[in-house]
Protein backbone atom coordinates (compact mmCIF):
# COMPACT_ATOMS: atom_id res chain seq x y z
CA MET A 1 -9.31 3.12 -2.38
CA VAL A 2 -11.26 1.20 0.27
CA ASP A 3 -9.61 1.19 3.70
CA LEU A 4 -8.82 -2.44 4.52
CA SER A 5 -7.02 -1.77 7.81
CA SER A 6 -9.46 -3.70 9.98
CA GLU A 7 -9.51 -6.63 7.57
CA MET A 8 -5.71 -6.68 7.44
CA ALA A 9 -5.55 -6.61 11.25
CA GLU A 10 -7.79 -9.68 11.36
CA LEU A 11 -5.78 -11.44 8.67
CA TRP A 12 -2.52 -10.64 10.45
CA ALA A 13 -3.87 -12.00 13.73
CA SER A 14 -5.20 -15.15 12.05
CA LEU A 15 -1.76 -16.02 10.66
CA GLY A 16 -0.50 -16.63 14.19
CA ALA A 17 2.97 -16.16 15.61
CA SER A 18 6.00 -16.98 13.52
CA VAL A 19 8.75 -19.31 14.64
CA SER A 20 11.21 -17.44 16.84
CA GLY A 21 14.41 -16.41 15.13
CA ARG A 22 13.28 -16.82 11.53
CA GLY A 23 11.16 -14.95 9.07
CA ARG A 24 7.93 -16.26 7.62
CA VAL A 25 6.94 -16.60 3.96
CA VAL A 26 3.21 -16.25 3.22
CA GLN A 27 1.74 -16.64 -0.24
CA ILE A 28 -1.47 -14.82 -1.16
CA THR A 29 -3.19 -16.36 -4.17
CA ALA A 30 -6.59 -17.33 -5.61
CA ALA A 31 -8.21 -19.85 -7.87
CA ARG A 32 -9.35 -17.25 -10.40
CA ARG A 33 -8.48 -13.84 -11.71
CA GLY A 34 -10.21 -10.80 -10.27
CA GLU A 35 -10.44 -11.98 -6.66
CA GLY A 36 -8.26 -9.09 -5.43
CA VAL A 37 -5.09 -11.02 -4.59
CA SER A 38 -2.68 -8.21 -5.42
CA THR A 39 -4.62 -5.70 -3.35
CA VAL A 40 -4.75 -8.02 -0.34
CA ALA A 41 -1.03 -8.83 -0.61
CA ARG A 42 -0.08 -5.16 -0.90
CA GLU A 43 -2.33 -4.01 1.92
CA LEU A 44 -1.07 -6.79 4.20
CA ALA A 45 2.51 -5.69 3.48
CA LEU A 46 1.59 -2.11 4.32
CA PHE A 47 -0.14 -3.15 7.54
CA ALA A 48 2.67 -5.43 8.68
CA ALA A 49 5.32 -2.78 8.05
CA ARG A 50 3.52 0.22 9.54
CA ARG A 51 1.18 -1.16 12.19
CA ALA A 52 2.92 -4.38 13.20
CA GLY A 53 6.41 -2.90 12.86
CA ARG A 54 7.82 -5.78 10.85
CA SER A 55 10.39 -5.75 8.07
CA VAL A 56 8.53 -6.93 4.97
CA TRP A 57 9.31 -7.98 1.42
CA LEU A 58 6.52 -8.11 -1.14
CA VAL A 59 7.59 -10.52 -3.88
CA ASP A 60 5.57 -10.38 -7.10
CA LEU A 61 5.42 -13.68 -8.99
CA ASP A 62 3.80 -11.98 -11.99
CA LEU A 63 7.26 -11.34 -13.37
CA ILE A 64 6.43 -9.91 -16.77
CA ALA A 65 3.56 -7.57 -15.83
CA ALA A 66 4.96 -6.57 -12.38
CA PRO A 67 1.60 -5.17 -11.17
CA GLN A 68 2.74 -4.60 -7.58
CA HIS A 69 5.51 -2.21 -8.58
CA ALA A 70 3.14 -0.35 -10.91
CA ALA A 71 0.39 -0.09 -8.26
CA ILE A 72 2.78 1.32 -5.67
CA VAL A 73 4.13 3.85 -8.15
CA ASP A 74 0.57 4.94 -8.95
CA GLY A 75 -0.33 5.00 -5.24
CA ALA A 76 2.76 6.82 -3.99
CA ALA A 77 0.64 9.20 -1.93
CA ARG A 78 -0.62 6.22 0.09
CA TYR A 79 2.36 3.89 0.10
CA GLY A 80 5.34 6.22 -0.26
CA ALA A 81 7.87 6.85 -2.99
CA LEU A 82 10.07 4.02 -4.23
CA SER A 83 13.81 4.00 -3.74
CA GLU A 84 16.34 3.33 -6.46
CA PRO A 85 16.61 -0.39 -7.33
CA ALA A 86 18.76 -2.60 -5.12
CA GLN A 87 19.77 -6.24 -5.25
CA ALA A 88 16.85 -8.49 -4.36
CA SER A 89 18.83 -11.54 -3.23
CA PRO A 90 20.73 -11.69 0.07
CA ASP A 91 23.04 -14.45 -1.14
CA GLY A 92 22.79 -14.53 -4.92
CA SER A 93 20.14 -17.27 -5.06
CA MET A 94 16.92 -16.76 -7.02
CA PHE A 95 13.48 -18.38 -7.36
CA PHE A 96 13.62 -18.38 -11.15
CA THR A 97 16.09 -19.03 -13.91
CA ILE A 98 16.59 -17.37 -17.27
CA GLN A 99 17.03 -19.64 -20.29
CA PRO A 100 19.02 -19.52 -22.44
CA GLN A 101 21.57 -17.82 -20.26
CA ALA A 102 23.12 -14.52 -21.27
CA GLN A 103 26.71 -13.45 -20.98
CA THR A 104 28.13 -10.26 -19.50
CA ALA A 105 30.51 -7.99 -21.40
CA ALA A 106 33.34 -9.88 -19.71
CA GLY A 107 32.11 -13.17 -21.17
CA GLU A 108 30.74 -14.53 -17.89
CA VAL A 109 27.26 -15.98 -17.41
CA ARG A 110 24.87 -13.31 -16.16
CA PRO A 111 23.46 -14.42 -12.77
CA ASP A 112 19.70 -14.87 -12.52
CA ALA A 113 19.67 -12.59 -9.45
CA GLN A 114 20.61 -9.62 -11.62
CA TYR A 115 17.20 -9.72 -13.27
CA LEU A 116 15.28 -8.97 -10.06
CA ALA A 117 15.36 -5.59 -8.31
CA ALA A 118 14.01 -4.55 -4.92
CA HIS A 119 12.72 -1.07 -4.11
CA ARG A 120 12.18 0.28 -0.62
CA VAL A 121 8.68 1.73 -0.21
CA GLY A 122 8.57 5.08 1.58
CA ALA A 123 10.01 5.29 5.06
CA ALA A 124 8.58 2.01 6.38
CA ARG A 125 10.64 -1.16 6.47
CA TRP A 126 9.14 -2.78 3.41
CA TRP A 127 10.33 -3.53 -0.06
CA VAL A 128 8.70 -4.57 -3.32
CA THR A 129 10.36 -6.57 -6.06
CA ARG A 130 10.27 -5.94 -9.81
CA PHE A 131 11.49 -8.32 -12.46
CA GLN A 132 13.55 -6.30 -14.94
CA ARG A 133 12.00 -7.68 -18.09
CA GLU A 134 13.76 -5.02 -20.14
CA CYS A 135 16.99 -6.96 -19.50
CA LEU A 136 15.72 -10.02 -21.36
CA ALA A 137 17.18 -10.60 -24.79
CA ALA A 138 15.22 -11.93 -27.74
CA GLY A 139 14.52 -15.63 -27.30
CA GLN A 140 15.06 -15.68 -23.54
CA GLY A 141 12.39 -16.91 -21.15
CA VAL A 142 11.94 -16.98 -17.39
CA HIS A 143 11.07 -20.16 -15.48
CA VAL A 144 10.04 -20.32 -11.80
CA LEU A 145 12.00 -22.96 -9.89
CA ALA A 146 10.74 -25.64 -7.54
CA ALA A 147 13.44 -24.86 -4.99
CA GLY A 148 13.57 -23.24 -1.58
CA HIS A 149 17.01 -21.61 -1.46
CA TYR A 150 15.83 -18.07 -2.22
CA TRP A 151 12.98 -18.18 0.28
CA ASP A 152 15.33 -19.49 2.98
CA SER A 153 17.73 -16.63 2.29
CA LEU A 154 14.95 -14.10 2.85
CA ARG A 155 13.81 -15.82 6.05
CA ARG A 156 17.24 -15.10 7.52
CA VAL A 157 17.02 -11.33 6.99
CA VAL A 158 13.32 -10.37 6.86
CA ASP A 159 10.48 -10.77 9.37
CA LEU A 160 7.79 -11.37 6.77
CA VAL A 161 7.85 -12.21 3.06
CA ILE A 162 4.52 -11.82 1.26
CA VAL A 163 4.35 -13.57 -2.09
CA ASP A 164 1.75 -12.39 -4.60
CA GLY A 165 0.93 -15.58 -6.51
CA PRO A 166 -1.01 -15.42 -9.78
CA SER A 167 -4.01 -17.67 -10.26
CA PRO A 168 -3.33 -21.00 -12.05
CA GLU A 169 -5.24 -19.85 -15.13
CA ARG A 170 -2.52 -17.24 -15.64
CA SER A 171 0.55 -19.08 -14.37
CA ARG A 172 1.53 -22.14 -12.36
CA ALA A 173 4.18 -20.15 -10.50
CA GLY A 174 2.13 -20.05 -7.30
CA LEU A 175 1.70 -23.82 -7.23
CA THR A 176 5.38 -24.31 -8.06
CA VAL A 177 6.55 -22.32 -5.02
CA SER A 178 3.78 -23.43 -2.63
CA PRO A 179 5.83 -26.25 -0.99
CA PHE A 180 8.38 -23.64 0.09
CA MET A 181 5.86 -21.26 1.67
CA ASP A 182 5.12 -21.37 5.38
CA GLN A 183 1.48 -20.54 4.69
CA THR A 184 -0.76 -19.96 1.70
CA VAL A 185 -3.87 -17.80 2.00
CA LEU A 186 -6.56 -18.15 -0.66
CA VAL A 187 -8.50 -15.01 -1.55
CA VAL A 188 -12.14 -15.47 -2.52
CA ALA A 189 -14.50 -12.71 -3.67
CA ALA A 190 -17.34 -12.63 -1.18
CA ASP A 191 -19.91 -12.18 -3.95
CA GLN A 192 -18.69 -15.24 -5.85
CA PRO A 193 -21.32 -18.00 -5.53
CA ASP A 194 -19.18 -20.79 -7.01
CA VAL A 195 -17.11 -22.37 -4.23
CA GLY A 196 -15.87 -25.23 -6.41
CA ALA A 197 -12.85 -23.37 -7.79
CA PRO A 198 -11.48 -22.33 -4.36
CA ALA A 199 -11.93 -25.88 -3.10
CA ARG A 200 -10.01 -27.27 -6.07
CA MET A 201 -7.30 -24.66 -5.54
CA ARG A 202 -7.01 -25.63 -1.88
CA ASP A 203 -6.61 -29.28 -2.92
CA ALA A 204 -4.04 -28.38 -5.59
CA VAL A 205 -1.90 -26.40 -3.15
CA MET A 206 -2.01 -29.23 -0.62
CA ALA A 207 -1.25 -31.83 -3.30
CA ALA A 208 1.80 -29.79 -4.28
CA GLY A 209 3.02 -29.92 -0.68
CA GLY A 210 1.79 -26.50 0.43
CA ASN A 211 0.08 -25.47 3.65
CA VAL A 212 -3.27 -23.71 3.19
CA ALA A 213 -3.64 -21.47 6.24
CA GLY A 214 -7.16 -20.37 5.36
CA LEU A 215 -9.38 -18.16 3.23
CA PHE A 216 -9.69 -14.40 3.03
CA PHE A 217 -13.15 -13.37 1.82
CA ASN A 218 -12.78 -10.15 -0.14
CA ARG A 219 -15.31 -7.40 -0.93
CA GLY A 220 -17.58 -7.94 2.04
CA VAL A 221 -18.17 -10.36 4.88
CA VAL A 222 -19.85 -13.70 4.28
CA GLU A 223 -19.92 -16.94 6.17
CA PRO A 224 -17.62 -19.45 4.40
CA PRO A 225 -19.00 -22.86 3.47
CA GLY A 226 -18.29 -25.43 6.15
CA PHE A 227 -16.05 -27.65 4.04
CA LEU A 228 -13.80 -24.66 3.32
CA SER A 229 -13.62 -23.29 6.83
CA PRO A 230 -9.91 -23.09 7.67
CA ALA A 231 -8.33 -24.38 10.83
CA ARG A 232 -6.23 -21.86 12.65
CA PRO A 233 -2.51 -22.34 11.96
């Protein structure tokens, strides 16, 4: 695996200081598949927890595939072993809903929060979420909510929440939650000559009410086109 420590240090510095007394929620996403979003999100979480000394939650919006959990399991030598699953909601709120609802053995509605687990990663103060898709019954589906309650609950207990948002061609989850993020960082492969898709993604995030903090150029260093050059937050 390529060492991205210096790149993560620059990205961390570019995000600026958070508001005193509250955590910050930063979404990492891209216009297209294959730009390296999950790697950037995971490496930023690792950097923030170990080097910056922050408490970090890495929330994976790819609920069915759960690639972040799988990557950390496969990379345990680098990231650390995962703890047993714990509740992933400080107050019972959740950023998705399960429809139709299921009932517990006692005949009560099963809370949405019970479908999401959090695992501590190694000895550092960071956690990764995993949607427990094995708990879904036949005919049930998961829908990401346009609501900020869950993100606010994490801001009260965590220094930094990193949200791994899938590209719009896979899911609109990232655009749905973008108004409730403090910052959204767009990842662009440095060897990708087409800048139209990132520009449209920037516009889509802003149209949805999100704040595009800037671009992270992956797989090398290139000079970004002028019209995409981000202002510092």
